[in-house]
């Protein structure tokens, strides 16, 4: 019974990851404000719920704190649009620094902070490019994680961040998943640029 429940939850999470990933990867720029609201809700909800949990609050208070925090986070993220764009660029900067650190043999917090600031500033300056990059690759990650979860190949980024060197000793299937992630991300970039370019031409023809 418990095993069936766990399987059901895993299936639902994989399906949601797949659906959200498709929307993110191929339509991220078009629905970016909606995505900002979702990201703001999830991020602040997790933080608020965790704070309530470590304060030994009752379960319903933890849930209430998460819901209220999520609503506030969604509103703030949409209201302060440029802040959301900056955060996305900063995250990309940190991820780039982390990947380079793993490749070169070490990561340094100061360098990650510098790359985060650079990424955030570039995102504000080159909004369209950075939004498409962020949504394409985060969406492709969701698609790959969702699909491969159905085959019993969950891609757990937490393990990689906890032990960066695990990637060098990972089974072949992990490299297959990572390759699919990169290729699908590039496809997402091309699709989004094609869609936005077509919409722009249609708008100009109407005007």
Protein backbone atom coordinates (compact mmCIF):
# COMPACT_ATOMS: atom_id res chain seq x y z
CA UNK A 1 0.00 0.00 0.00
CA UNK A 2 2.74 2.45 1.00
CA UNK A 3 4.81 1.40 -2.01
CA UNK A 4 1.86 2.11 -4.34
CA UNK A 5 1.39 5.54 -2.74
CA UNK A 6 5.06 6.37 -3.20
CA UNK A 7 4.90 5.25 -6.82
CA UNK A 8 1.78 7.36 -7.37
CA UNK A 9 3.44 10.47 -5.92
CA UNK A 10 6.58 9.87 -8.00
CA UNK A 11 4.46 9.48 -11.13
CA UNK A 12 2.56 12.72 -10.47
CA UNK A 13 5.79 14.63 -9.79
CA UNK A 14 7.38 13.27 -12.96
CA UNK A 15 4.29 14.21 -14.98
CA UNK A 16 4.23 17.75 -13.55
CA UNK A 17 7.96 18.08 -14.24
CA UNK A 18 7.35 17.04 -17.84
CA UNK A 19 4.41 19.40 -18.41
CA UNK A 20 6.06 22.38 -16.73
CA UNK A 21 9.29 21.59 -18.55
CA UNK A 22 7.62 21.66 -21.97
CA UNK A 23 5.97 25.02 -21.25
CA UNK A 24 9.22 26.40 -19.88
CA UNK A 25 11.47 25.08 -22.63
CA UNK A 26 9.44 26.05 -25.69
CA UNK A 27 7.26 28.95 -24.50
CA UNK A 28 9.27 30.39 -21.62
CA UNK A 29 9.78 33.85 -23.05
CA UNK A 30 6.14 34.22 -24.06
CA UNK A 31 4.80 33.28 -20.60
CA UNK A 32 7.72 34.58 -18.60
CA UNK A 33 5.69 36.68 -16.16
CA UNK A 34 3.53 33.65 -15.33
CA UNK A 35 6.69 31.60 -14.79
CA UNK A 36 8.10 34.33 -12.57
CA UNK A 37 5.00 34.09 -10.41
CA UNK A 38 5.31 30.31 -10.18
CA UNK A 39 9.02 30.49 -9.32
CA UNK A 40 8.40 33.20 -6.74
CA UNK A 41 5.61 31.17 -5.17
CA UNK A 42 7.68 27.98 -4.98
CA UNK A 43 10.85 29.64 -3.69
CA UNK A 44 9.27 31.72 -0.92
CA UNK A 45 6.83 28.94 -0.02
CA UNK A 46 9.74 26.56 0.56
CA UNK A 47 11.61 29.13 2.64
CA UNK A 48 8.56 30.09 4.73
CA UNK A 49 7.55 26.48 5.26
CA UNK A 50 11.08 25.51 6.27
CA UNK A 51 11.33 28.39 8.75
CA UNK A 52 7.99 27.42 10.31
CA UNK A 53 9.16 23.81 10.47
CA UNK A 54 12.43 24.54 12.28
CA UNK A 55 10.46 26.71 14.73
CA UNK A 56 8.52 23.54 15.62
CA UNK A 57 5.23 24.94 14.38
CA UNK A 58 2.26 22.63 13.96
CA UNK A 59 1.66 21.05 10.59
CA UNK A 60 -1.24 23.31 9.62
CA UNK A 61 0.86 26.37 10.55
CA UNK A 62 3.71 25.12 8.37
CA UNK A 63 1.30 24.68 5.46
CA UNK A 64 -0.28 28.08 6.13
CA UNK A 65 3.12 29.77 6.28
CA UNK A 66 4.14 28.11 3.01
CA UNK A 67 0.92 29.20 1.26
CA UNK A 68 1.07 32.79 2.51
CA UNK A 69 4.78 33.03 1.78
CA UNK A 70 4.23 31.60 -1.69
CA UNK A 71 1.53 34.13 -2.51
CA UNK A 72 3.72 36.99 -1.30
CA UNK A 73 6.67 35.65 -3.26
CA UNK A 74 4.62 35.34 -6.46
CA UNK A 75 3.28 38.89 -6.15
CA UNK A 76 6.69 40.38 -5.40
CA UNK A 77 8.41 38.49 -8.20
CA UNK A 78 5.91 39.69 -10.80
CA UNK A 79 5.75 43.24 -9.39
CA UNK A 80 9.52 43.62 -9.37
CA UNK A 81 10.09 42.22 -12.85
CA UNK A 82 13.71 43.31 -13.20
CA UNK A 83 14.57 41.73 -9.85
CA UNK A 84 13.29 38.41 -11.18
CA UNK A 85 15.33 38.84 -14.35
CA UNK A 86 18.42 39.67 -12.28
CA UNK A 87 17.91 36.57 -10.10
CA UNK A 88 17.66 34.34 -13.17
CA UNK A 89 20.88 35.75 -14.57
CA UNK A 90 22.58 35.35 -11.20
CA UNK A 91 21.53 31.70 -11.01
CA UNK A 92 22.92 31.08 -14.48
CA UNK A 93 26.18 32.75 -13.45
CA UNK A 94 26.49 30.55 -10.37
CA UNK A 95 25.72 27.39 -12.36
CA UNK A 96 28.33 28.31 -14.96
CA UNK A 97 30.91 28.93 -12.25
CA UNK A 98 30.04 25.66 -10.53
CA UNK A 99 30.35 23.62 -13.73
CA UNK A 100 33.67 25.28 -14.56
CA UNK A 101 34.83 24.67 -11.00
CA UNK A 102 34.07 20.97 -11.26
CA UNK A 103 35.89 20.81 -14.59
CA UNK A 104 38.98 22.70 -13.38
CA UNK A 105 39.15 21.00 -9.99
CA UNK A 106 37.64 23.38 -7.44
CA UNK A 107 34.97 25.98 -6.74
CA UNK A 108 35.51 29.23 -4.86
CA UNK A 109 32.62 31.16 -3.23
CA UNK A 110 34.10 34.56 -4.13
CA UNK A 111 34.22 33.63 -7.83
CA UNK A 112 30.64 32.34 -7.68
CA UNK A 113 29.49 35.64 -6.16
CA UNK A 114 31.26 37.64 -8.88
CA UNK A 115 29.76 35.46 -11.62
CA UNK A 116 26.33 35.79 -10.01
CA UNK A 117 26.55 39.60 -10.13
CA UNK A 118 27.85 39.56 -13.71
CA UNK A 119 25.12 37.15 -14.77
CA UNK A 120 22.43 39.27 -13.09
CA UNK A 121 23.64 42.50 -14.73
CA UNK A 122 23.87 40.86 -18.17
CA UNK A 123 20.37 39.47 -17.71
CA UNK A 124 18.99 42.95 -17.07
CA UNK A 125 20.85 44.35 -20.10
CA UNK A 126 20.14 41.45 -22.47
CA UNK A 127 16.75 40.42 -21.13
CA UNK A 128 15.42 38.44 -24.09
CA UNK A 129 18.60 36.40 -24.55
CA UNK A 130 18.98 35.53 -20.86
CA UNK A 131 15.29 34.73 -20.38
CA UNK A 132 15.31 32.37 -23.36
CA UNK A 133 18.53 30.70 -22.19
CA UNK A 134 17.22 30.26 -18.64
CA UNK A 135 13.79 28.96 -19.58
CA UNK A 136 15.08 26.69 -22.36
CA UNK A 137 17.63 24.89 -20.20
CA UNK A 138 15.57 24.79 -17.02
CA UNK A 139 12.64 23.51 -19.07
CA UNK A 140 14.72 20.88 -20.82
CA UNK A 141 15.95 19.75 -17.41
CA UNK A 142 12.33 19.27 -16.32
CA UNK A 143 11.48 17.34 -19.48
CA UNK A 144 14.48 15.03 -19.20
CA UNK A 145 14.00 14.47 -15.47
CA UNK A 146 10.30 13.71 -16.01
CA UNK A 147 10.74 11.33 -18.94
CA UNK A 148 13.66 9.39 -17.49
CA UNK A 149 11.88 9.09 -14.14
CA UNK A 150 9.28 6.96 -15.93
CA UNK A 151 12.12 4.57 -16.82
CA UNK A 152 13.51 4.53 -13.29
CA UNK A 153 16.41 6.85 -14.14
CA UNK A 154 15.84 9.85 -11.87
CA UNK A 155 18.32 12.67 -12.42
CA UNK A 156 18.97 14.05 -8.95
CA UNK A 157 20.87 17.35 -9.08
CA UNK A 158 21.10 17.43 -5.28
CA UNK A 159 23.51 14.49 -5.33
CA UNK A 160 25.71 16.28 -7.86
CA UNK A 161 25.81 19.49 -5.79
CA UNK A 162 26.51 17.52 -2.61
CA UNK A 163 29.35 15.58 -4.23
CA UNK A 164 30.51 17.24 -7.49
CA UNK A 165 32.96 14.47 -8.27
CA UNK A 166 30.15 11.92 -8.51
CA UNK A 167 29.61 12.96 -12.12
CA UNK A 168 33.05 11.59 -13.05
CA UNK A 169 32.08 8.15 -11.77
CA UNK A 170 28.44 8.20 -12.83
CA UNK A 171 26.89 5.34 -14.84
CA UNK A 172 26.61 5.76 -18.59
CA UNK A 173 22.90 6.55 -18.29
CA UNK A 174 23.69 9.83 -16.52
CA UNK A 175 25.79 11.00 -19.44
CA UNK A 176 22.96 10.03 -21.79
CA UNK A 177 20.55 12.12 -19.70
CA UNK A 178 22.91 15.09 -19.58
CA UNK A 179 23.40 14.92 -23.35
CA UNK A 180 19.61 14.87 -23.85
CA UNK A 181 19.31 17.86 -21.51
CA UNK A 182 21.83 19.95 -23.47
CA UNK A 183 20.44 19.00 -26.90
CA UNK A 184 16.85 19.65 -25.85
CA UNK A 185 17.87 22.97 -24.31
CA UNK A 186 19.42 24.05 -27.62
CA UNK A 187 16.25 22.99 -29.45
CA UNK A 188 14.23 25.05 -26.99
CA UNK A 189 16.36 28.12 -27.72
CA UNK A 190 15.81 27.74 -31.48
CA UNK A 191 12.06 27.21 -31.07
CA UNK A 192 11.66 30.20 -28.77
CA UNK A 193 13.59 32.50 -31.08
CA UNK A 194 11.56 31.29 -34.06
CA UNK A 195 8.26 31.77 -32.22
CA UNK A 196 9.13 35.24 -30.92
CA UNK A 197 10.43 36.31 -34.33
CA UNK A 198 7.22 35.14 -36.02
CA UNK A 199 5.05 36.91 -33.44
CA UNK A 200 7.03 40.12 -34.00
CA UNK A 201 6.53 39.91 -37.77
CA UNK A 202 2.81 39.26 -37.34
CA UNK A 203 2.50 42.28 -35.04
CA UNK A 204 4.35 44.51 -37.54
CA UNK A 205 2.12 43.35 -40.40
CA UNK A 206 -1.00 44.17 -38.38
CA UNK A 207 0.32 47.63 -37.52
